[in-house]
């Protein structure tokens, strides 16, 4: 019975393909740790599978963390709500990496939250949350690739949890003793995908990717 359950998990992961679900996805890559009173750089990795006519990227950063620079150039920045906005049109809608740098206040401490979304029409209006990292702290967590539930062992449950994070049906609480998002991104691509979940499952089977 247990083997059937493992096979079912594997089958669902294999059949589920990111490009089938959406035309554009985005994943945030935050540093492992921030230092108060210094600058911190972050990335948003945008993957375009089927280019829409236009794309909006909205990034909400911690209040008080002022924007220093961004590449490509941002369309607007509202420091009062911490919103950085990028707009892409026509031929500029393609896979890219957005980088931006924030000035971390000297008074910053603890865990800080980053949120955001992408919006596009293809052909209907689509709004998708930016995936990947959502939190950064002034203390560093341990990252053990594949151990998504922080129990120091790689099991089918880890693969399933990574797949649930990809689907958006599970969000790490931030109270875990390990870096769950880092552990779920098995291939360190900046995205959590069904392929990561599959590799975690294969790691459990001692048949690594």
N, C-alpha and C. Protein backbone atom coordinates (compact mmCIF):
# COMPACT_ATOMS: atom_id res chain seq x y z
N UNK A 1 0.83 -1.20 0.00
CA UNK A 1 0.00 0.00 0.00
C UNK A 1 0.87 1.25 0.00
N UNK A 2 1.96 1.22 0.80
CA UNK A 2 2.83 2.38 0.87
C UNK A 2 3.47 2.65 -0.48
N UNK A 3 3.87 1.58 -1.21
CA UNK A 3 4.47 1.77 -2.52
C UNK A 3 3.49 2.41 -3.49
N UNK A 4 2.21 2.05 -3.39
CA UNK A 4 1.19 2.64 -4.26
C UNK A 4 1.08 4.14 -3.98
N UNK A 5 1.13 4.49 -2.69
CA UNK A 5 1.05 5.90 -2.32
C UNK A 5 2.23 6.68 -2.87
N UNK A 6 3.44 6.10 -2.77
CA UNK A 6 4.62 6.77 -3.30
C UNK A 6 4.50 6.95 -4.81
N UNK A 7 4.00 5.92 -5.48
CA UNK A 7 3.85 5.99 -6.93
C UNK A 7 2.85 7.08 -7.32
N UNK A 8 1.78 7.21 -6.54
CA UNK A 8 0.78 8.23 -6.84
C UNK A 8 1.37 9.63 -6.71
N UNK A 9 2.19 9.84 -5.68
CA UNK A 9 2.85 11.13 -5.52
C UNK A 9 3.74 11.42 -6.72
N UNK A 10 4.53 10.44 -7.11
CA UNK A 10 5.45 10.59 -8.24
C UNK A 10 4.69 10.88 -9.52
N UNK A 11 3.58 10.19 -9.76
CA UNK A 11 2.81 10.36 -10.98
C UNK A 11 2.22 11.77 -11.07
N UNK A 12 1.69 12.26 -9.97
CA UNK A 12 1.11 13.60 -9.96
C UNK A 12 2.19 14.64 -10.27
N UNK A 13 3.37 14.49 -9.68
CA UNK A 13 4.45 15.44 -9.90
C UNK A 13 4.88 15.44 -11.36
N UNK A 14 5.01 14.25 -11.95
CA UNK A 14 5.47 14.14 -13.33
C UNK A 14 4.46 14.75 -14.30
N UNK A 15 3.18 14.53 -14.06
CA UNK A 15 2.15 14.99 -14.99
C UNK A 15 1.89 16.47 -14.88
N UNK A 16 2.26 17.07 -13.79
CA UNK A 16 1.96 18.48 -13.57
C UNK A 16 3.09 19.32 -14.13
N UNK A 17 2.80 20.15 -15.12
CA UNK A 17 3.84 20.94 -15.78
C UNK A 17 3.54 22.41 -15.64
N UNK A 18 4.55 23.21 -15.27
CA UNK A 18 4.37 24.63 -15.01
C UNK A 18 3.85 25.39 -16.21
N UNK A 19 4.41 25.13 -17.39
CA UNK A 19 4.04 25.88 -18.56
C UNK A 19 2.61 25.62 -18.99
N UNK A 20 2.03 24.49 -18.55
CA UNK A 20 0.65 24.18 -18.86
C UNK A 20 -0.31 25.10 -18.12
N UNK A 21 0.12 25.59 -16.95
CA UNK A 21 -0.77 26.34 -16.07
C UNK A 21 -0.81 27.82 -16.38
N UNK A 22 0.29 28.42 -16.76
CA UNK A 22 0.33 29.85 -16.91
C UNK A 22 1.36 30.24 -17.94
N UNK A 23 1.18 31.45 -18.50
CA UNK A 23 2.07 31.94 -19.55
C UNK A 23 3.31 32.59 -19.00
N UNK A 24 3.21 33.15 -17.79
CA UNK A 24 4.34 33.85 -17.17
C UNK A 24 4.39 33.46 -15.69
N UNK A 25 5.57 33.29 -15.17
CA UNK A 25 5.74 33.07 -13.73
C UNK A 25 6.89 33.93 -13.24
N UNK A 26 6.93 34.15 -11.94
CA UNK A 26 8.01 34.95 -11.36
C UNK A 26 8.38 34.36 -10.01
N UNK A 27 9.68 34.39 -9.71
CA UNK A 27 10.18 33.83 -8.46
C UNK A 27 11.18 34.80 -7.84
N UNK A 28 11.02 35.04 -6.56
CA UNK A 28 11.88 35.99 -5.85
C UNK A 28 13.06 35.25 -5.21
N UNK A 29 14.24 35.86 -5.30
CA UNK A 29 15.45 35.30 -4.70
C UNK A 29 16.00 36.33 -3.73
N UNK A 30 15.84 36.07 -2.43
CA UNK A 30 16.33 36.97 -1.40
C UNK A 30 17.63 36.43 -0.80
N UNK A 31 18.46 37.30 -0.26
CA UNK A 31 19.67 36.82 0.43
C UNK A 31 19.28 35.97 1.64
N UNK A 32 20.21 35.18 2.11
CA UNK A 32 19.95 34.35 3.29
C UNK A 32 19.79 35.18 4.56
N UNK A 33 20.40 36.38 4.55
CA UNK A 33 20.42 37.18 5.76
C UNK A 33 20.60 38.65 5.37
N UNK A 34 20.09 39.56 6.19
CA UNK A 34 20.34 40.98 5.96
C UNK A 34 21.11 41.56 7.14
N UNK A 35 21.83 42.66 6.87
CA UNK A 35 22.59 43.34 7.91
C UNK A 35 22.06 44.76 8.06
N UNK A 36 21.55 45.13 9.23
CA UNK A 36 21.03 46.49 9.44
C UNK A 36 22.08 47.55 9.11
N UNK A 37 21.61 48.65 8.49
CA UNK A 37 22.50 49.75 8.17
C UNK A 37 23.29 49.59 6.90
N UNK A 38 23.00 48.54 6.11
CA UNK A 38 23.70 48.31 4.85
C UNK A 38 22.68 48.18 3.72
N UNK A 39 23.17 48.03 2.49
CA UNK A 39 22.29 47.79 1.35
C UNK A 39 22.10 46.29 1.14
N UNK A 40 20.93 45.91 0.64
CA UNK A 40 20.63 44.51 0.35
C UNK A 40 20.05 44.40 -1.06
N UNK A 41 20.61 43.51 -1.86
CA UNK A 41 20.14 43.31 -3.23
C UNK A 41 19.30 42.04 -3.33
N UNK A 42 18.26 42.12 -4.16
CA UNK A 42 17.35 41.00 -4.36
C UNK A 42 17.07 40.83 -5.85
N UNK A 43 16.53 39.66 -6.21
CA UNK A 43 16.23 39.37 -7.62
C UNK A 43 14.80 38.84 -7.76
N UNK A 44 14.18 39.18 -8.88
CA UNK A 44 12.92 38.56 -9.28
C UNK A 44 13.18 37.92 -10.65
N UNK A 45 13.08 36.62 -10.72
CA UNK A 45 13.35 35.89 -11.97
C UNK A 45 12.02 35.68 -12.68
N UNK A 46 11.87 36.31 -13.84
CA UNK A 46 10.63 36.25 -14.62
C UNK A 46 10.81 35.25 -15.75
N UNK A 47 9.92 34.27 -15.83
CA UNK A 47 9.96 33.25 -16.89
C UNK A 47 8.73 33.42 -17.77
N UNK A 48 8.96 33.66 -19.05
CA UNK A 48 7.87 33.86 -20.01
C UNK A 48 7.78 32.63 -20.90
N UNK A 49 6.65 31.94 -20.85
CA UNK A 49 6.45 30.73 -21.65
C UNK A 49 5.70 31.04 -22.95
N UNK A 50 4.74 31.96 -22.85
CA UNK A 50 3.96 32.40 -24.00
C UNK A 50 3.73 33.90 -23.84
N UNK A 51 4.48 34.74 -24.54
CA UNK A 51 4.49 36.19 -24.25
C UNK A 51 3.12 36.84 -24.40
N UNK A 52 2.64 37.52 -23.36
CA UNK A 52 1.42 38.32 -23.46
C UNK A 52 1.76 39.67 -24.07
N UNK A 53 0.75 40.51 -24.31
CA UNK A 53 0.99 41.82 -24.92
C UNK A 53 1.63 42.79 -23.94
N UNK A 54 1.42 42.56 -22.65
CA UNK A 54 2.00 43.43 -21.64
C UNK A 54 2.11 42.70 -20.31
N UNK A 55 3.00 43.18 -19.45
CA UNK A 55 3.23 42.53 -18.16
C UNK A 55 3.51 43.59 -17.11
N UNK A 56 2.87 43.45 -15.94
CA UNK A 56 3.13 44.32 -14.79
C UNK A 56 3.72 43.47 -13.68
N UNK A 57 4.81 43.93 -13.09
CA UNK A 57 5.42 43.26 -11.94
C UNK A 57 5.33 44.21 -10.75
N UNK A 58 4.63 43.78 -9.71
CA UNK A 58 4.48 44.57 -8.48
C UNK A 58 5.24 43.89 -7.35
N UNK A 59 6.12 44.63 -6.70
CA UNK A 59 6.90 44.10 -5.60
C UNK A 59 6.70 44.98 -4.36
N UNK A 60 6.26 44.36 -3.26
CA UNK A 60 6.08 45.08 -2.00
C UNK A 60 7.23 44.73 -1.06
N UNK A 61 7.98 45.75 -0.67
CA UNK A 61 9.14 45.55 0.19
C UNK A 61 8.82 46.10 1.58
N UNK A 62 9.60 45.74 2.59
CA UNK A 62 9.32 46.22 3.95
C UNK A 62 9.31 47.75 4.03
N UNK A 63 8.37 48.30 4.77
CA UNK A 63 8.29 49.75 4.94
C UNK A 63 9.55 50.26 5.63
N UNK A 64 10.04 51.37 5.13
CA UNK A 64 11.26 51.94 5.68
C UNK A 64 12.53 51.48 4.99
N UNK A 65 12.40 50.42 4.15
CA UNK A 65 13.53 49.94 3.38
C UNK A 65 13.49 50.66 2.03
N UNK A 66 14.25 51.73 1.88
CA UNK A 66 14.15 52.59 0.71
C UNK A 66 14.87 52.01 -0.51
N UNK A 67 14.26 52.23 -1.67
CA UNK A 67 14.83 51.75 -2.92
C UNK A 67 16.05 52.59 -3.30
N UNK A 68 17.16 51.90 -3.59
CA UNK A 68 18.40 52.57 -4.00
C UNK A 68 18.55 52.55 -5.52
N UNK A 69 18.34 51.39 -6.12
CA UNK A 69 18.49 51.23 -7.57
C UNK A 69 17.74 50.01 -8.03
N UNK A 70 17.52 49.94 -9.35
CA UNK A 70 16.84 48.78 -9.94
C UNK A 70 17.26 48.62 -11.39
N UNK A 71 17.33 47.38 -11.85
CA UNK A 71 17.64 47.07 -13.24
C UNK A 71 16.82 45.86 -13.68
N UNK A 72 15.97 46.04 -14.72
CA UNK A 72 15.74 47.25 -15.50
C UNK A 72 15.07 48.35 -14.66
N UNK A 73 15.01 49.54 -15.24
CA UNK A 73 14.45 50.68 -14.52
C UNK A 73 12.99 50.42 -14.15
N UNK A 74 12.61 50.86 -12.97
CA UNK A 74 11.24 50.68 -12.52
C UNK A 74 10.35 51.77 -13.10
N UNK A 75 9.06 51.48 -13.17
CA UNK A 75 8.09 52.45 -13.67
C UNK A 75 7.70 53.44 -12.58
N UNK A 76 7.51 52.94 -11.37
CA UNK A 76 7.14 53.81 -10.25
C UNK A 76 7.56 53.17 -8.94
N UNK A 77 7.68 54.02 -7.92
CA UNK A 77 8.05 53.55 -6.58
C UNK A 77 7.29 54.39 -5.56
N UNK A 78 6.51 53.74 -4.71
CA UNK A 78 5.74 54.41 -3.66
C UNK A 78 6.30 53.97 -2.32
N UNK A 79 7.14 54.83 -1.72
CA UNK A 79 7.80 54.48 -0.46
C UNK A 79 6.81 54.33 0.69
N UNK A 80 5.65 54.99 0.60
CA UNK A 80 4.69 54.94 1.69
C UNK A 80 4.06 53.56 1.86
N UNK A 81 3.95 52.83 0.78
CA UNK A 81 3.40 51.47 0.87
C UNK A 81 4.44 50.42 0.47
N UNK A 82 5.64 50.87 0.11
CA UNK A 82 6.71 49.93 -0.23
C UNK A 82 6.53 49.23 -1.56
N UNK A 83 5.87 49.89 -2.53
CA UNK A 83 5.56 49.25 -3.81
C UNK A 83 6.51 49.71 -4.90
N UNK A 84 7.19 48.74 -5.53
CA UNK A 84 7.98 48.98 -6.72
C UNK A 84 7.25 48.35 -7.89
N UNK A 85 7.08 49.10 -8.98
CA UNK A 85 6.33 48.59 -10.13
C UNK A 85 7.18 48.66 -11.39
N UNK A 86 7.18 47.57 -12.14
CA UNK A 86 7.81 47.51 -13.46
C UNK A 86 6.74 47.23 -14.51
N UNK A 87 6.85 47.85 -15.66
CA UNK A 87 5.95 47.62 -16.78
C UNK A 87 6.75 47.15 -18.00
N UNK A 88 6.24 46.12 -18.67
CA UNK A 88 6.86 45.61 -19.89
C UNK A 88 5.80 45.54 -20.98
N UNK A 89 6.15 45.97 -22.20
CA UNK A 89 5.21 45.99 -23.29
C UNK A 89 5.76 45.23 -24.49
N UNK A 90 4.86 44.61 -25.24
CA UNK A 90 5.16 44.02 -26.55
C UNK A 90 6.46 43.22 -26.53
N UNK A 91 7.45 43.65 -27.33
CA UNK A 91 8.68 42.88 -27.48
C UNK A 91 9.52 42.82 -26.23
N UNK A 92 9.26 43.71 -25.25
CA UNK A 92 10.05 43.69 -24.02
C UNK A 92 9.56 42.63 -23.04
N UNK A 93 8.43 41.97 -23.37
CA UNK A 93 7.92 40.91 -22.50
C UNK A 93 8.66 39.62 -22.84
N UNK A 94 9.70 39.34 -22.10
CA UNK A 94 10.49 38.15 -22.29
C UNK A 94 11.13 37.75 -20.97
N UNK A 95 11.62 36.54 -20.91
CA UNK A 95 12.25 36.07 -19.67
C UNK A 95 13.40 36.99 -19.30
N UNK A 96 13.47 37.34 -18.03
CA UNK A 96 14.52 38.26 -17.59
C UNK A 96 14.70 38.14 -16.08
N UNK A 97 15.73 38.77 -15.58
CA UNK A 97 15.96 38.85 -14.14
C UNK A 97 15.95 40.32 -13.72
N UNK A 98 15.04 40.65 -12.84
CA UNK A 98 14.96 42.00 -12.28
C UNK A 98 15.81 42.03 -11.01
N UNK A 99 16.68 43.00 -10.90
CA UNK A 99 17.46 43.15 -9.68
C UNK A 99 17.16 44.51 -9.07
N UNK A 100 17.10 44.56 -7.76
CA UNK A 100 16.91 45.85 -7.10
C UNK A 100 17.65 45.84 -5.77
N UNK A 101 18.03 47.04 -5.33
CA UNK A 101 18.79 47.20 -4.10
C UNK A 101 18.04 48.11 -3.14
N UNK A 102 17.97 47.69 -1.89
CA UNK A 102 17.29 48.45 -0.84
C UNK A 102 18.28 48.88 0.22
N UNK A 103 18.02 50.03 0.82
CA UNK A 103 18.79 50.49 1.98
C UNK A 103 18.10 49.98 3.23
N UNK A 104 18.77 49.11 3.96
CA UNK A 104 18.20 48.52 5.18
C UNK A 104 18.40 49.49 6.34
N UNK A 105 17.34 49.88 7.03
CA UNK A 105 17.50 50.80 8.17
C UNK A 105 18.39 50.20 9.25
N UNK A 106 19.14 51.05 9.94
CA UNK A 106 20.01 50.57 11.01
C UNK A 106 19.21 50.00 12.17
N UNK A 107 17.92 50.37 12.25
CA UNK A 107 17.07 49.88 13.33
C UNK A 107 16.37 48.56 13.00
N UNK A 108 16.57 48.06 11.76
CA UNK A 108 15.87 46.83 11.35
C UNK A 108 16.31 45.64 12.19
N UNK A 109 15.33 44.77 12.50
CA UNK A 109 15.66 43.53 13.22
C UNK A 109 14.55 42.52 12.99
N UNK A 110 14.87 41.26 13.19
CA UNK A 110 13.88 40.20 13.05
C UNK A 110 13.60 39.83 11.61
N UNK A 111 12.45 39.23 11.39
CA UNK A 111 12.07 38.73 10.07
C UNK A 111 11.27 39.78 9.31
N UNK A 112 11.56 39.95 8.02
CA UNK A 112 10.87 40.91 7.18
C UNK A 112 10.20 40.18 6.01
N UNK A 113 9.03 40.69 5.61
CA UNK A 113 8.21 40.02 4.61
C UNK A 113 8.26 40.76 3.27
N UNK A 114 8.36 40.00 2.20
CA UNK A 114 8.28 40.51 0.83
C UNK A 114 7.11 39.83 0.14
N UNK A 115 6.28 40.59 -0.53
CA UNK A 115 5.17 40.03 -1.30
C UNK A 115 5.15 40.70 -2.67
N UNK A 116 4.35 40.17 -3.56
CA UNK A 116 4.23 40.78 -4.88
C UNK A 116 3.41 39.92 -5.82
N UNK A 117 3.19 40.44 -7.01
CA UNK A 117 2.41 39.70 -8.01
C UNK A 117 2.79 40.16 -9.40
N UNK A 118 2.41 39.35 -10.38
CA UNK A 118 2.53 39.75 -11.78
C UNK A 118 1.13 39.75 -12.37
N UNK A 119 0.90 40.66 -13.32
CA UNK A 119 -0.41 40.78 -13.96
C UNK A 119 -0.21 40.86 -15.47
N UNK A 120 -1.08 40.14 -16.21
CA UNK A 120 -1.02 40.18 -17.66
C UNK A 120 -2.33 39.69 -18.24
N UNK A 121 -2.53 39.91 -19.54
CA UNK A 121 -3.71 39.42 -20.25
C UNK A 121 -3.28 38.38 -21.27
N UNK A 122 -3.93 37.19 -21.22
CA UNK A 122 -3.52 36.15 -22.18
C UNK A 122 -4.56 35.02 -22.29
N UNK A 123 -5.75 35.25 -22.85
CA UNK A 123 -6.32 36.53 -23.28
C UNK A 123 -7.05 37.24 -22.13
N UNK A 124 -7.39 36.48 -21.06
CA UNK A 124 -8.09 37.07 -19.93
C UNK A 124 -7.09 37.66 -18.95
N UNK A 125 -7.60 38.52 -18.06
CA UNK A 125 -6.73 39.12 -17.05
C UNK A 125 -6.26 38.06 -16.06
N UNK A 126 -4.95 37.96 -15.89
CA UNK A 126 -4.34 36.97 -14.99
C UNK A 126 -3.53 37.71 -13.94
N UNK A 127 -3.66 37.29 -12.70
CA UNK A 127 -2.84 37.81 -11.61
C UNK A 127 -2.25 36.63 -10.86
N UNK A 128 -0.92 36.58 -10.77
CA UNK A 128 -0.22 35.45 -10.17
C UNK A 128 0.74 35.97 -9.10
N UNK A 129 0.74 35.38 -7.91
CA UNK A 129 1.70 35.81 -6.89
C UNK A 129 3.13 35.51 -7.32
N UNK A 130 4.06 36.34 -6.90
CA UNK A 130 5.47 36.05 -7.12
C UNK A 130 5.88 34.95 -6.14
N UNK A 131 6.46 33.89 -6.66
CA UNK A 131 6.84 32.76 -5.82
C UNK A 131 8.24 32.93 -5.25
N UNK A 132 8.80 31.83 -4.78
CA UNK A 132 10.16 31.85 -4.24
C UNK A 132 10.22 32.37 -2.82
N UNK A 133 11.29 33.07 -2.49
CA UNK A 133 11.50 33.57 -1.14
C UNK A 133 10.50 34.66 -0.79
N UNK A 134 10.02 34.66 0.42
CA UNK A 134 9.11 35.71 0.89
C UNK A 134 9.59 36.37 2.17
N UNK A 135 10.62 35.80 2.81
CA UNK A 135 11.07 36.32 4.10
C UNK A 135 12.59 36.36 4.16
N UNK A 136 13.07 37.35 4.87
CA UNK A 136 14.51 37.45 5.13
C UNK A 136 14.68 37.89 6.58
N UNK A 137 15.72 37.42 7.21
CA UNK A 137 15.92 37.67 8.63
C UNK A 137 17.34 38.13 8.89
N UNK A 138 17.56 38.70 10.08
CA UNK A 138 18.91 39.09 10.46
C UNK A 138 19.68 37.94 11.09
N UNK A 139 19.05 36.75 11.13
CA UNK A 139 19.73 35.53 11.55
C UNK A 139 19.55 34.48 10.47
N UNK A 140 20.57 33.68 10.23
CA UNK A 140 20.56 32.75 9.11
C UNK A 140 20.01 31.38 9.52
N UNK A 141 19.17 30.80 8.62
CA UNK A 141 18.65 29.46 8.83
C UNK A 141 19.45 28.44 8.03
N UNK A 142 19.37 27.20 8.44
CA UNK A 142 20.07 26.11 7.76
C UNK A 142 19.28 25.69 6.51
N UNK A 143 19.99 25.42 5.44
CA UNK A 143 19.35 24.93 4.21
C UNK A 143 19.90 23.56 3.87
N UNK A 144 19.07 22.53 4.01
CA UNK A 144 19.44 21.18 3.62
C UNK A 144 18.57 20.81 2.42
N UNK A 145 19.17 20.75 1.24
CA UNK A 145 18.41 20.52 0.02
C UNK A 145 17.58 19.23 0.11
N UNK A 146 16.28 19.37 -0.09
CA UNK A 146 15.37 18.23 -0.09
C UNK A 146 14.66 18.00 1.22
N UNK A 147 15.20 18.51 2.33
CA UNK A 147 14.58 18.31 3.64
C UNK A 147 13.61 19.47 3.90
N UNK A 148 12.48 19.44 3.22
CA UNK A 148 11.56 20.57 3.26
C UNK A 148 10.78 20.67 4.57
N UNK A 149 10.71 19.59 5.35
CA UNK A 149 9.97 19.65 6.62
C UNK A 149 10.88 19.70 7.84
N UNK A 150 12.18 19.89 7.60
CA UNK A 150 13.15 20.15 8.68
C UNK A 150 13.29 19.01 9.68
N UNK A 151 13.16 17.76 9.23
CA UNK A 151 13.28 16.65 10.18
C UNK A 151 14.58 15.87 10.00
N UNK A 152 15.51 16.44 9.22
CA UNK A 152 16.84 15.84 8.99
C UNK A 152 16.77 14.50 8.25
N UNK A 153 15.72 14.32 7.45
CA UNK A 153 15.61 13.12 6.62
C UNK A 153 14.83 13.49 5.36
N UNK A 154 15.20 12.90 4.23
CA UNK A 154 14.50 13.14 2.97
C UNK A 154 13.54 11.98 2.72
N UNK A 155 12.25 12.31 2.61
CA UNK A 155 11.20 11.31 2.48
C UNK A 155 10.22 11.75 1.38
N UNK A 156 9.28 10.87 0.99
CA UNK A 156 8.25 11.29 0.03
C UNK A 156 7.45 12.49 0.53
N UNK A 157 7.33 12.63 1.84
CA UNK A 157 6.62 13.78 2.39
C UNK A 157 7.29 15.09 2.04
N UNK A 158 8.62 15.09 1.95
CA UNK A 158 9.35 16.29 1.55
C UNK A 158 9.03 16.65 0.10
N UNK A 159 8.98 15.64 -0.76
CA UNK A 159 8.64 15.88 -2.17
C UNK A 159 7.23 16.44 -2.29
N UNK A 160 6.30 15.88 -1.54
CA UNK A 160 4.91 16.34 -1.58
C UNK A 160 4.81 17.77 -1.07
N UNK A 161 5.54 18.09 -0.01
CA UNK A 161 5.50 19.44 0.55
C UNK A 161 6.06 20.45 -0.45
N UNK A 162 7.15 20.10 -1.14
CA UNK A 162 7.71 20.99 -2.16
C UNK A 162 6.70 21.22 -3.28
N UNK A 163 6.00 20.18 -3.66
CA UNK A 163 4.98 20.29 -4.71
C UNK A 163 3.83 21.18 -4.25
N UNK A 164 3.43 21.08 -2.99
CA UNK A 164 2.36 21.91 -2.44
C UNK A 164 2.79 23.38 -2.38
N UNK A 165 4.08 23.64 -2.09
CA UNK A 165 4.58 25.01 -2.09
C UNK A 165 4.54 25.57 -3.51
N UNK A 166 4.90 24.74 -4.50
CA UNK A 166 4.81 25.15 -5.91
C UNK A 166 3.38 25.52 -6.28
N UNK A 167 2.42 24.74 -5.83
CA UNK A 167 1.01 24.99 -6.15
C UNK A 167 0.45 26.20 -5.40
N UNK A 168 1.15 26.64 -4.36
CA UNK A 168 0.64 27.73 -3.55
C UNK A 168 -0.32 27.29 -2.47
N UNK A 169 -0.42 25.98 -2.26
CA UNK A 169 -1.36 25.45 -1.26
C UNK A 169 -0.70 25.32 0.11
N UNK A 170 0.60 25.62 0.19
CA UNK A 170 1.28 25.62 1.49
C UNK A 170 2.28 26.77 1.52
N UNK A 171 2.24 27.56 2.57
CA UNK A 171 3.17 28.66 2.76
C UNK A 171 3.92 28.45 4.06
N UNK A 172 5.25 28.36 4.02
CA UNK A 172 6.01 28.18 5.27
C UNK A 172 5.66 29.28 6.28
N UNK A 173 5.58 28.90 7.53
CA UNK A 173 5.16 29.83 8.58
C UNK A 173 6.25 30.81 8.99
N UNK A 174 7.50 30.48 8.68
CA UNK A 174 8.60 31.31 9.12
C UNK A 174 9.16 30.89 10.46
N UNK A 175 8.45 29.96 11.13
CA UNK A 175 8.90 29.49 12.44
C UNK A 175 9.75 28.23 12.33
N UNK A 176 9.93 27.72 11.10
CA UNK A 176 10.70 26.50 10.92
C UNK A 176 12.17 26.74 11.28
N UNK A 177 12.83 25.68 11.71
CA UNK A 177 14.24 25.80 12.10
C UNK A 177 15.15 25.78 10.88
N UNK A 178 14.62 25.44 9.71
CA UNK A 178 15.43 25.42 8.50
C UNK A 178 14.82 26.35 7.46
N UNK A 179 15.55 26.59 6.40
CA UNK A 179 15.08 27.44 5.31
C UNK A 179 14.28 26.55 4.34
N UNK A 180 12.97 26.54 4.52
CA UNK A 180 12.11 25.63 3.76
C UNK A 180 12.14 25.93 2.27
N UNK A 181 12.09 27.19 1.89
CA UNK A 181 12.08 27.53 0.47
C UNK A 181 13.40 27.16 -0.20
N UNK A 182 14.50 27.39 0.50
CA UNK A 182 15.80 26.98 -0.03
C UNK A 182 15.87 25.47 -0.18
N UNK A 183 15.36 24.74 0.80
CA UNK A 183 15.39 23.28 0.76
C UNK A 183 14.51 22.74 -0.36
N UNK A 184 13.41 23.44 -0.65
CA UNK A 184 12.48 22.99 -1.70
C UNK A 184 13.04 23.23 -3.09
N UNK A 185 13.85 24.28 -3.26
CA UNK A 185 14.46 24.59 -4.55
C UNK A 185 15.68 23.70 -4.74
N UNK A 186 15.44 22.44 -5.06
CA UNK A 186 16.48 21.41 -5.03
C UNK A 186 17.62 21.71 -5.99
N UNK A 187 17.29 22.27 -7.17
CA UNK A 187 18.33 22.51 -8.16
C UNK A 187 18.88 23.93 -8.10
N UNK A 188 18.47 24.71 -7.08
CA UNK A 188 18.96 26.08 -6.88
C UNK A 188 18.76 26.96 -8.11
N UNK A 189 17.62 26.78 -8.77
CA UNK A 189 17.33 27.55 -9.98
C UNK A 189 16.68 28.89 -9.69
N UNK A 190 16.24 29.09 -8.46
CA UNK A 190 15.49 30.29 -8.12
C UNK A 190 14.00 30.08 -8.19
N UNK A 191 13.56 28.92 -8.70
CA UNK A 191 12.15 28.56 -8.77
C UNK A 191 11.92 27.27 -7.99
N UNK A 192 10.72 27.12 -7.45
CA UNK A 192 10.29 25.83 -6.92
C UNK A 192 9.32 25.25 -7.95
N UNK A 193 9.67 24.12 -8.52
CA UNK A 193 8.92 23.54 -9.63
C UNK A 193 8.60 22.07 -9.35
N UNK A 194 7.72 21.48 -10.19
CA UNK A 194 7.50 20.04 -10.07
C UNK A 194 8.79 19.24 -10.23
N UNK A 195 9.73 19.77 -11.02
CA UNK A 195 11.02 19.10 -11.18
C UNK A 195 11.79 19.00 -9.88
N UNK A 196 11.70 20.04 -9.04
CA UNK A 196 12.34 19.98 -7.73
C UNK A 196 11.73 18.87 -6.88
N UNK A 197 10.39 18.82 -6.88
CA UNK A 197 9.70 17.79 -6.11
C UNK A 197 10.09 16.40 -6.60
N UNK A 198 10.20 16.25 -7.92
CA UNK A 198 10.59 14.95 -8.49
C UNK A 198 12.00 14.57 -8.07
N UNK A 199 12.91 15.54 -8.08
CA UNK A 199 14.29 15.25 -7.68
C UNK A 199 14.38 14.89 -6.20
N UNK A 200 13.56 15.54 -5.38
CA UNK A 200 13.54 15.19 -3.96
C UNK A 200 13.05 13.76 -3.78
N UNK A 201 12.02 13.38 -4.53
CA UNK A 201 11.50 12.01 -4.46
C UNK A 201 12.56 11.01 -4.92
N UNK A 202 13.28 11.35 -5.99
CA UNK A 202 14.32 10.46 -6.49
C UNK A 202 15.49 10.37 -5.51
N UNK A 203 15.74 11.47 -4.77
CA UNK A 203 16.77 11.44 -3.74
C UNK A 203 16.40 10.43 -2.66
N UNK A 204 15.12 10.40 -2.31
CA UNK A 204 14.62 9.43 -1.34
C UNK A 204 14.82 8.00 -1.85
N UNK A 205 14.64 7.80 -3.17
CA UNK A 205 14.78 6.47 -3.77
C UNK A 205 16.25 6.10 -4.00
N UNK A 206 17.19 7.02 -3.64
CA UNK A 206 18.61 6.80 -3.90
C UNK A 206 18.90 6.72 -5.38
N UNK A 207 18.12 7.47 -6.18
CA UNK A 207 18.30 7.55 -7.63
C UNK A 207 18.34 9.04 -7.99
N UNK A 208 19.40 9.75 -7.59
CA UNK A 208 19.42 11.20 -7.73
C UNK A 208 19.34 11.70 -9.17
N UNK A 209 18.82 12.91 -9.31
CA UNK A 209 18.70 13.53 -10.65
C UNK A 209 20.08 13.80 -11.24
